[in-house]
Amino acid sequence: MTTLAYTPFIDPINAQDFWFVLLLPLAFFIAVGYKAVRTVDMRLYWRQVLTFTIQIVGGIILLGIGAYLVIAYAIPSLAPMPG
């Protein structure tokens, strides 16, 4: 049965080729919401949002590099040698 309405959890968008581009607005909007609650001086708000956005994106990049190193080098070295 085909529906005309978009159902995001049943028919998600095909974003496998450009998922990393979606990280930037996601990190920005998380930073906007978090800093809206946590900032004491609103004159520093946008600078803190930008800083926190960069920290989120940098953290995700470092986590990706770390996961790659573990999967590519650490796990194969733990496997028993055949023979």
Protein backbone atom coordinates (compact mmCIF):
# COMPACT_ATOMS: atom_id res chain seq x y z
CA MET A 1 0.00 0.00 0.00
CA THR A 2 1.42 3.38 -0.99
CA THR A 3 0.79 6.49 1.07
CA LEU A 4 1.06 10.05 -0.14
CA ALA A 5 2.33 11.35 3.19
CA TYR A 6 5.99 11.17 4.12
CA THR A 7 6.58 8.84 7.06
CA PRO A 8 10.15 9.45 8.33
CA PHE A 9 10.54 6.33 10.49
CA ILE A 10 9.05 3.98 7.91
CA ASP A 11 10.51 5.56 4.74
CA PRO A 12 13.72 7.39 5.78
CA ILE A 13 15.58 9.58 3.30
CA ASN A 14 18.45 8.07 1.37
CA ALA A 15 21.31 10.05 2.95
CA GLN A 16 24.14 7.51 2.88
CA ASP A 17 26.11 9.48 0.30
CA PHE A 18 26.00 12.85 2.10
CA TRP A 19 25.37 12.07 5.77
CA PHE A 20 28.47 13.98 6.90
CA VAL A 21 27.01 17.23 5.55
CA LEU A 22 24.03 16.78 7.87
CA LEU A 23 26.44 16.78 10.85
CA LEU A 24 26.98 20.54 10.55
CA PRO A 25 23.36 21.70 10.97
CA LEU A 26 22.76 19.02 13.61
CA ALA A 27 25.76 20.18 15.66
CA PHE A 28 24.78 23.82 15.18
CA PHE A 29 21.20 23.35 16.36
CA ILE A 30 22.31 21.25 19.33
CA ALA A 31 24.73 24.04 20.27
CA VAL A 32 22.03 26.71 19.86
CA GLY A 33 19.66 24.85 22.17
CA TYR A 34 22.27 23.93 24.74
CA LYS A 35 23.84 27.38 24.93
CA ALA A 36 20.42 29.07 25.07
CA VAL A 37 19.90 27.34 28.40
CA ARG A 38 23.46 27.41 29.75
CA THR A 39 24.80 30.86 28.76
CA VAL A 40 24.85 33.44 31.53
CA ASP A 41 25.89 36.47 29.44
CA MET A 42 23.95 36.63 26.16
CA ARG A 43 26.53 38.98 24.62
CA LEU A 44 28.80 35.92 24.34
CA TYR A 45 26.03 33.65 23.02
CA TRP A 46 26.95 33.36 19.33
CA ARG A 47 30.66 32.99 20.02
CA GLN A 48 29.90 30.18 22.45
CA VAL A 49 27.53 28.55 19.96
CA LEU A 50 30.21 28.62 17.26
CA THR A 51 32.83 27.27 19.66
CA PHE A 52 30.56 24.47 20.84
CA THR A 53 29.62 23.59 17.24
CA ILE A 54 33.30 23.27 16.33
CA GLN A 55 33.88 21.15 19.43
CA ILE A 56 31.04 18.79 18.51
CA VAL A 57 32.22 18.39 14.91
CA GLY A 58 35.84 17.95 16.02
CA GLY A 59 34.81 15.34 18.59
CA ILE A 60 32.87 13.36 16.00
CA ILE A 61 35.85 13.49 13.62
CA LEU A 62 38.19 12.26 16.38
CA LEU A 63 35.75 9.48 17.30
CA GLY A 64 35.62 8.43 13.65
CA ILE A 65 39.41 8.34 13.38
CA GLY A 66 39.65 6.38 16.63
CA ALA A 67 37.03 3.87 15.49
CA TYR A 68 38.83 3.45 12.17
CA LEU A 69 42.16 2.80 13.90
CA VAL A 70 40.62 0.24 16.24
CA ILE A 71 38.78 -1.57 13.45
CA ALA A 72 41.65 -1.46 10.93
CA TYR A 73 44.60 -2.20 13.21
CA ALA A 74 43.73 -3.29 16.74
CA ILE A 75 41.04 -5.88 16.03
CA PRO A 76 42.91 -7.73 13.25
CA SER A 77 45.97 -8.01 15.49
CA LEU A 78 43.85 -9.79 18.13
CA ALA A 79 42.63 -12.48 15.72
CA PRO A 80 44.39 -15.86 16.00
CA MET A 81 46.73 -16.73 13.15
CA PRO A 82 45.45 -19.54 10.91
CA GLY A 83 47.47 -22.71 10.71
